Amino acid sequence: MSGSNVWHRSREKLRRFTESFAQCAEEAAAYGKCVAATTTSKQELKKDHCAQEFAALKTCFANAAKKNLK
């Protein structure tokens, strides 16, 4: 296995990662807004407070990653 091939595969995975994330901008924004709204005034983010938004983001990202693996 050549070293250049390893770097090529790593760059390709990174490129696919950014493409996958870009497909989930709406879900990422919703999750970010939830976290930001929850942590205003030095409040701590409590477990599962933004669970619905996180689940939507996770699902979107998993589906986008599956599409980009093909």
PDB file of N, CA and C in Angstrom:
ATOM      1  N   MET A   1       0.852  -1.170   0.000  1.00  0.00           N
ATOM      2  CA  MET A   1       0.000   0.000   0.000  1.00  0.00           C
ATOM      3  C   MET A   1       0.896   1.232   0.000  1.00  0.00           C
ATOM      4  N   SER A   2       0.691   2.066  -0.976  1.00  0.00           N
ATOM      5  CA  SER A   2       1.539   3.246  -1.064  1.00  0.00           C
ATOM      6  C   SER A   2       1.012   4.363  -0.174  1.00  0.00           C
ATOM      7  N   GLY A   3       1.920   5.197   0.269  1.00  0.00           N
ATOM      8  CA  GLY A   3       1.550   6.309   1.128  1.00  0.00           C
ATOM      9  C   GLY A   3       0.640   7.304   0.444  1.00  0.00           C
ATOM     10  N   SER A   4       0.850   7.549  -0.843  1.00  0.00           N
ATOM     11  CA  SER A   4       0.014   8.527  -1.542  1.00  0.00           C
ATOM     12  C   SER A   4      -1.422   8.032  -1.657  1.00  0.00           C
ATOM     13  N   ASN A   5      -1.603   6.725  -1.776  1.00  0.00           N
ATOM     14  CA  ASN A   5      -2.955   6.166  -1.857  1.00  0.00           C
ATOM     15  C   ASN A   5      -3.709   6.385  -0.543  1.00  0.00           C
ATOM     16  N   VAL A   6      -3.016   6.264   0.574  1.00  0.00           N
ATOM     17  CA  VAL A   6      -3.630   6.488   1.879  1.00  0.00           C
ATOM     18  C   VAL A   6      -4.097   7.939   1.988  1.00  0.00           C
ATOM     19  N   TRP A   7      -3.269   8.876   1.562  1.00  0.00           N
ATOM     20  CA  TRP A   7      -3.645  10.289   1.625  1.00  0.00           C
ATOM     21  C   TRP A   7      -4.808  10.586   0.699  1.00  0.00           C
ATOM     22  N   HIS A   8      -4.824   9.963  -0.468  1.00  0.00           N
ATOM     23  CA  HIS A   8      -5.927  10.177  -1.413  1.00  0.00           C
ATOM     24  C   HIS A   8      -7.241   9.708  -0.799  1.00  0.00           C
ATOM     25  N   ARG A   9      -7.235   8.532  -0.169  1.00  0.00           N
ATOM     26  CA  ARG A   9      -8.452   8.012   0.461  1.00  0.00           C
ATOM     27  C   ARG A   9      -8.893   8.904   1.619  1.00  0.00           C
ATOM     28  N   SER A  10      -7.936   9.403   2.387  1.00  0.00           N
ATOM     29  CA  SER A  10      -8.274  10.285   3.513  1.00  0.00           C
ATOM     30  C   SER A  10      -8.903  11.578   3.027  1.00  0.00           C
ATOM     31  N   ARG A  11      -8.337  12.157   1.986  1.00  0.00           N
ATOM     32  CA  ARG A  11      -8.905  13.388   1.426  1.00  0.00           C
ATOM     33  C   ARG A  11     -10.295  13.137   0.857  1.00  0.00           C
ATOM     34  N   GLU A  12     -10.484  11.994   0.232  1.00  0.00           N
ATOM     35  CA  GLU A  12     -11.784  11.657  -0.336  1.00  0.00           C
ATOM     36  C   GLU A  12     -12.835  11.494   0.771  1.00  0.00           C
ATOM     37  N   LYS A  13     -12.470  10.855   1.877  1.00  0.00           N
ATOM     38  CA  LYS A  13     -13.395  10.705   3.004  1.00  0.00           C
ATOM     39  C   LYS A  13     -13.757  12.065   3.586  1.00  0.00           C
ATOM     40  N   LEU A  14     -12.792  12.940   3.712  1.00  0.00           N
ATOM     41  CA  LEU A  14     -13.047  14.271   4.240  1.00  0.00           C
ATOM     42  C   LEU A  14     -13.967  15.060   3.308  1.00  0.00           C
ATOM     43  N   ARG A  15     -13.753  14.939   2.013  1.00  0.00           N
ATOM     44  CA  ARG A  15     -14.607  15.621   1.033  1.00  0.00           C
ATOM     45  C   ARG A  15     -16.044  15.114   1.155  1.00  0.00           C
ATOM     46  N   ARG A  16     -16.224  13.808   1.266  1.00  0.00           N
ATOM     47  CA  ARG A  16     -17.563  13.240   1.408  1.00  0.00           C
ATOM     48  C   ARG A  16     -18.206  13.664   2.728  1.00  0.00           C
ATOM     49  N   PHE A  17     -17.409  13.783   3.781  1.00  0.00           N
ATOM     50  CA  PHE A  17     -17.921  14.217   5.077  1.00  0.00           C
ATOM     51  C   PHE A  17     -18.511  15.614   4.975  1.00  0.00           C
ATOM     52  N   THR A  18     -17.804  16.528   4.354  1.00  0.00           N
ATOM     53  CA  THR A  18     -18.304  17.901   4.240  1.00  0.00           C
ATOM     54  C   THR A  18     -19.542  17.957   3.358  1.00  0.00           C
ATOM     55  N   GLU A  19     -19.594  17.137   2.312  1.00  0.00           N
ATOM     56  CA  GLU A  19     -20.784  17.094   1.466  1.00  0.00           C
ATOM     57  C   GLU A  19     -21.978  16.563   2.249  1.00  0.00           C
ATOM     58  N   SER A  20     -21.750  15.551   3.059  1.00  0.00           N
ATOM     59  CA  SER A  20     -22.820  14.981   3.872  1.00  0.00           C
ATOM     60  C   SER A  20     -23.356  16.023   4.850  1.00  0.00           C
ATOM     61  N   PHE A  21     -22.464  16.717   5.511  1.00  0.00           N
ATOM     62  CA  PHE A  21     -22.877  17.714   6.492  1.00  0.00           C
ATOM     63  C   PHE A  21     -23.636  18.855   5.826  1.00  0.00           C
ATOM     64  N   ALA A  22     -23.220  19.256   4.639  1.00  0.00           N
ATOM     65  CA  ALA A  22     -23.873  20.353   3.934  1.00  0.00           C
ATOM     66  C   ALA A  22     -25.322  20.023   3.602  1.00  0.00           C
ATOM     67  N   GLN A  23     -25.640  18.751   3.433  1.00  0.00           N
ATOM     68  CA  GLN A  23     -27.004  18.341   3.110  1.00  0.00           C
ATOM     69  C   GLN A  23     -27.936  18.470   4.319  1.00  0.00           C
ATOM     70  N   CYS A  24     -27.382  18.684   5.490  1.00  0.00           N
ATOM     71  CA  CYS A  24     -28.169  18.729   6.725  1.00  0.00           C
ATOM     72  C   CYS A  24     -28.130  20.111   7.376  1.00  0.00           C
ATOM     73  N   ALA A  25     -27.989  21.135   6.588  1.00  0.00           N
ATOM     74  CA  ALA A  25     -27.859  22.493   7.130  1.00  0.00           C
ATOM     75  C   ALA A  25     -29.079  22.910   7.944  1.00  0.00           C
ATOM     76  N   GLU A  26     -30.261  22.554   7.475  1.00  0.00           N
ATOM     77  CA  GLU A  26     -31.480  22.955   8.184  1.00  0.00           C
ATOM     78  C   GLU A  26     -31.556  22.290   9.562  1.00  0.00           C
ATOM     79  N   GLU A  27     -31.249  20.998   9.623  1.00  0.00           N
ATOM     80  CA  GLU A  27     -31.281  20.268  10.889  1.00  0.00           C
ATOM     81  C   GLU A  27     -30.192  20.768  11.839  1.00  0.00           C
ATOM     82  N   ALA A  28     -29.016  21.063  11.280  1.00  0.00           N
ATOM     83  CA  ALA A  28     -27.922  21.571  12.102  1.00  0.00           C
ATOM     84  C   ALA A  28     -28.271  22.937  12.691  1.00  0.00           C
ATOM     85  N   ALA A  29     -28.924  23.766  11.890  1.00  0.00           N
ATOM     86  CA  ALA A  29     -29.324  25.090  12.370  1.00  0.00           C
ATOM     87  C   ALA A  29     -30.370  24.966  13.482  1.00  0.00           C
ATOM     88  N   ALA A  30     -31.320  24.064  13.319  1.00  0.00           N
ATOM     89  CA  ALA A  30     -32.349  23.876  14.343  1.00  0.00           C
ATOM     90  C   ALA A  30     -31.732  23.389  15.650  1.00  0.00           C
ATOM     91  N   TYR A  31     -30.798  22.458  15.567  1.00  0.00           N
ATOM     92  CA  TYR A  31     -30.127  21.959  16.768  1.00  0.00           C
ATOM     93  C   TYR A  31     -29.301  23.065  17.419  1.00  0.00           C
ATOM     94  N   GLY A  32     -28.578  23.819  16.614  1.00  0.00           N
ATOM     95  CA  GLY A  32     -27.777  24.920  17.135  1.00  0.00           C
ATOM     96  C   GLY A  32     -28.622  25.977  17.820  1.00  0.00           C
ATOM     97  N   LYS A  33     -29.768  26.290  17.237  1.00  0.00           N
ATOM     98  CA  LYS A  33     -30.672  27.274  17.849  1.00  0.00           C
ATOM     99  C   LYS A  33     -31.203  26.764  19.183  1.00  0.00           C
ATOM    100  N   CYS A  34     -31.517  25.477  19.240  1.00  0.00           N
ATOM    101  CA  CYS A  34     -32.011  24.896  20.487  1.00  0.00           C
ATOM    102  C   CYS A  34     -30.944  24.989  21.579  1.00  0.00           C
ATOM    103  N   VAL A  35     -29.736  24.609  21.235  1.00  0.00           N
ATOM    104  CA  VAL A  35     -28.639  24.654  22.207  1.00  0.00           C
ATOM    105  C   VAL A  35     -28.372  26.094  22.641  1.00  0.00           C
ATOM    106  N   ALA A  36     -28.341  27.003  21.682  1.00  0.00           N
ATOM    107  CA  ALA A  36     -28.083  28.409  22.009  1.00  0.00           C
ATOM    108  C   ALA A  36     -29.180  28.980  22.901  1.00  0.00           C
ATOM    109  N   ALA A  37     -30.429  28.659  22.596  1.00  0.00           N
ATOM    110  CA  ALA A  37     -31.542  29.169  23.396  1.00  0.00           C
ATOM    111  C   ALA A  37     -31.526  28.588  24.807  1.00  0.00           C
ATOM    112  N   THR A  38     -31.063  27.370  24.922  1.00  0.00           N
ATOM    113  CA  THR A  38     -31.042  26.692  26.216  1.00  0.00           C
ATOM    114  C   THR A  38     -29.910  27.198  27.099  1.00  0.00           C
ATOM    115  N   THR A  39     -28.817  27.612  26.506  1.00  0.00           N
ATOM    116  CA  THR A  39     -27.635  27.960  27.290  1.00  0.00           C
ATOM    117  C   THR A  39     -27.433  29.461  27.452  1.00  0.00           C
ATOM    118  N   THR A  40     -28.472  30.253  27.229  1.00  0.00           N
ATOM    119  CA  THR A  40     -28.351  31.685  27.469  1.00  0.00           C
ATOM    120  C   THR A  40     -28.295  31.943  28.967  1.00  0.00           C
ATOM    121  N   SER A  41     -27.756  33.030  29.341  1.00  0.00           N
ATOM    122  CA  SER A  41     -27.638  33.430  30.754  1.00  0.00           C
ATOM    123  C   SER A  41     -26.883  32.402  31.593  1.00  0.00           C
ATOM    124  N   LYS A  42     -25.854  31.818  31.018  1.00  0.00           N
ATOM    125  CA  LYS A  42     -24.972  30.872  31.712  1.00  0.00           C
ATOM    126  C   LYS A  42     -25.686  29.622  32.216  1.00  0.00           C
ATOM    127  N   GLN A  43     -26.816  29.286  31.617  1.00  0.00           N
ATOM    128  CA  GLN A  43     -27.504  28.049  31.979  1.00  0.00           C
ATOM    129  C   GLN A  43     -26.752  26.876  31.370  1.00  0.00           C
ATOM    130  N   GLU A  44     -26.839  25.740  32.013  1.00  0.00           N
ATOM    131  CA  GLU A  44     -26.207  24.541  31.485  1.00  0.00           C
ATOM    132  C   GLU A  44     -27.198  23.794  30.601  1.00  0.00           C
ATOM    133  N   LEU A  45     -26.680  23.185  29.563  1.00  0.00           N
ATOM    134  CA  LEU A  45     -27.498  22.353  28.695  1.00  0.00           C
ATOM    135  C   LEU A  45     -27.791  21.048  29.426  1.00  0.00           C
ATOM    136  N   LYS A  46     -29.042  20.760  29.591  1.00  0.00           N
ATOM    137  CA  LYS A  46     -29.425  19.541  30.293  1.00  0.00           C
ATOM    138  C   LYS A  46     -29.597  18.403  29.295  1.00  0.00           C
ATOM    139  N   LYS A  47     -29.285  17.211  29.751  1.00  0.00           N
ATOM    140  CA  LYS A  47     -29.381  16.026  28.906  1.00  0.00           C
ATOM    141  C   LYS A  47     -30.790  15.901  28.334  1.00  0.00           C
ATOM    142  N   ASP A  48     -30.862  15.595  27.081  1.00  0.00           N
ATOM    143  CA  ASP A  48     -32.104  15.347  26.346  1.00  0.00           C
ATOM    144  C   ASP A  48     -32.966  16.588  26.132  1.00  0.00           C
ATOM    145  N   HIS A  49     -32.470  17.773  26.460  1.00  0.00           N
ATOM    146  CA  HIS A  49     -33.274  18.964  26.249  1.00  0.00           C
ATOM    147  C   HIS A  49     -33.479  19.226  24.756  1.00  0.00           C
ATOM    148  N   CYS A  50     -32.471  19.008  23.958  1.00  0.00           N
ATOM    149  CA  CYS A  50     -32.566  19.199  22.507  1.00  0.00           C
ATOM    150  C   CYS A  50     -32.526  17.850  21.790  1.00  0.00           C
ATOM    151  N   ALA A  51     -33.051  16.834  22.435  1.00  0.00           N
ATOM    152  CA  ALA A  51     -32.974  15.467  21.897  1.00  0.00           C
ATOM    153  C   ALA A  51     -33.688  15.329  20.557  1.00  0.00           C
ATOM    154  N   GLN A  52     -34.819  15.970  20.405  1.00  0.00           N
ATOM    155  CA  GLN A  52     -35.578  15.866  19.154  1.00  0.00           C
ATOM    156  C   GLN A  52     -34.777  16.471  17.994  1.00  0.00           C
ATOM    157  N   GLU A  53     -34.195  17.622  18.216  1.00  0.00           N
ATOM    158  CA  GLU A  53     -33.395  18.274  17.174  1.00  0.00           C
ATOM    159  C   GLU A  53     -32.132  17.469  16.878  1.00  0.00           C
ATOM    160  N   PHE A  54     -31.517  16.919  17.929  1.00  0.00           N
ATOM    161  CA  PHE A  54     -30.319  16.115  17.725  1.00  0.00           C
ATOM    162  C   PHE A  54     -30.646  14.838  16.953  1.00  0.00           C
ATOM    163  N   ALA A  55     -31.765  14.211  17.277  1.00  0.00           N
ATOM    164  CA  ALA A  55     -32.166  12.991  16.573  1.00  0.00           C
ATOM    165  C   ALA A  55     -32.403  13.272  15.089  1.00  0.00           C
ATOM    166  N   ALA A  56     -33.020  14.404  14.779  1.00  0.00           N
ATOM    167  CA  ALA A  56     -33.251  14.781  13.380  1.00  0.00           C
ATOM    168  C   ALA A  56     -31.925  15.005  12.656  1.00  0.00           C
ATOM    169  N   LEU A  57     -30.991  15.669  13.321  1.00  0.00           N
ATOM    170  CA  LEU A  57     -29.677  15.908  12.729  1.00  0.00           C
ATOM    171  C   LEU A  57     -28.930  14.596  12.522  1.00  0.00           C
ATOM    172  N   LYS A  58     -28.970  13.739  13.506  1.00  0.00           N
ATOM    173  CA  LYS A  58     -28.289  12.448  13.413  1.00  0.00           C
ATOM    174  C   LYS A  58     -28.854  11.604  12.267  1.00  0.00           C
ATOM    175  N   THR A  59     -30.170  11.575  12.148  1.00  0.00           N
ATOM    176  CA  THR A  59     -30.814  10.821  11.072  1.00  0.00           C
ATOM    177  C   THR A  59     -30.447  11.390   9.711  1.00  0.00           C
ATOM    178  N   CYS A  60     -30.506  12.704   9.593  1.00  0.00           N
ATOM    179  CA  CYS A  60     -30.144  13.349   8.335  1.00  0.00           C
ATOM    180  C   CYS A  60     -28.698  13.046   7.958  1.00  0.00           C
ATOM    181  N   PHE A  61     -27.819  13.165   8.922  1.00  0.00           N
ATOM    182  CA  PHE A  61     -26.400  12.929   8.646  1.00  0.00           C
ATOM    183  C   PHE A  61     -26.146  11.478   8.258  1.00  0.00           C
ATOM    184  N   ALA A  62     -26.798  10.537   8.936  1.00  0.00           N
ATOM    185  CA  ALA A  62     -26.632   9.110   8.598  1.00  0.00           C
ATOM    186  C   ALA A  62     -27.144   8.834   7.194  1.00  0.00           C
ATOM    187  N   ASN A  63     -28.291   9.406   6.843  1.00  0.00           N
ATOM    188  CA  ASN A  63     -28.840   9.189   5.500  1.00  0.00           C
ATOM    189  C   ASN A  63     -27.951   9.816   4.435  1.00  0.00           C
ATOM    190  N   ALA A  64     -27.437  10.999   4.701  1.00  0.00           N
ATOM    191  CA  ALA A  64     -26.553  11.672   3.741  1.00  0.00           C
ATOM    192  C   ALA A  64     -25.250  10.891   3.575  1.00  0.00           C
ATOM    193  N   ALA A  65     -24.732  10.351   4.657  1.00  0.00           N
ATOM    194  CA  ALA A  65     -23.495   9.580   4.574  1.00  0.00           C
ATOM    195  C   ALA A  65     -23.703   8.311   3.756  1.00  0.00           C
ATOM    196  N   LYS A  66     -24.854   7.664   3.926  1.00  0.00           N
ATOM    197  CA  LYS A  66     -25.148   6.466   3.132  1.00  0.00           C
ATOM    198  C   LYS A  66     -25.197   6.790   1.644  1.00  0.00           C
ATOM    199  N   LYS A  67     -25.821   7.927   1.308  1.00  0.00           N
ATOM    200  CA  LYS A  67     -25.909   8.336  -0.098  1.00  0.00           C
ATOM    201  C   LYS A  67     -24.524   8.601  -0.678  1.00  0.00           C
ATOM    202  N   ASN A  68     -23.664   9.219   0.110  1.00  0.00           N
ATOM    203  CA  ASN A  68     -22.332   9.586  -0.376  1.00  0.00           C
ATOM    204  C   ASN A  68     -21.353   8.429  -0.421  1.00  0.00           C
ATOM    205  N   LEU A  69     -21.693   7.315   0.196  1.00  0.00           N
ATOM    206  CA  LEU A  69     -20.814   6.149   0.145  1.00  0.00           C
ATOM    207  C   LEU A  69     -20.966   5.403  -1.180  1.00  0.00           C
ATOM    208  N   LYS A  70     -22.059   5.622  -1.854  1.00  0.00           N
ATOM    209  CA  LYS A  70     -22.311   4.906  -3.112  1.00  0.00           C
ATOM    210  C   LYS A  70     -21.501   5.469  -4.228  1.00  0.00           C
TER     211      LYS A  70
END
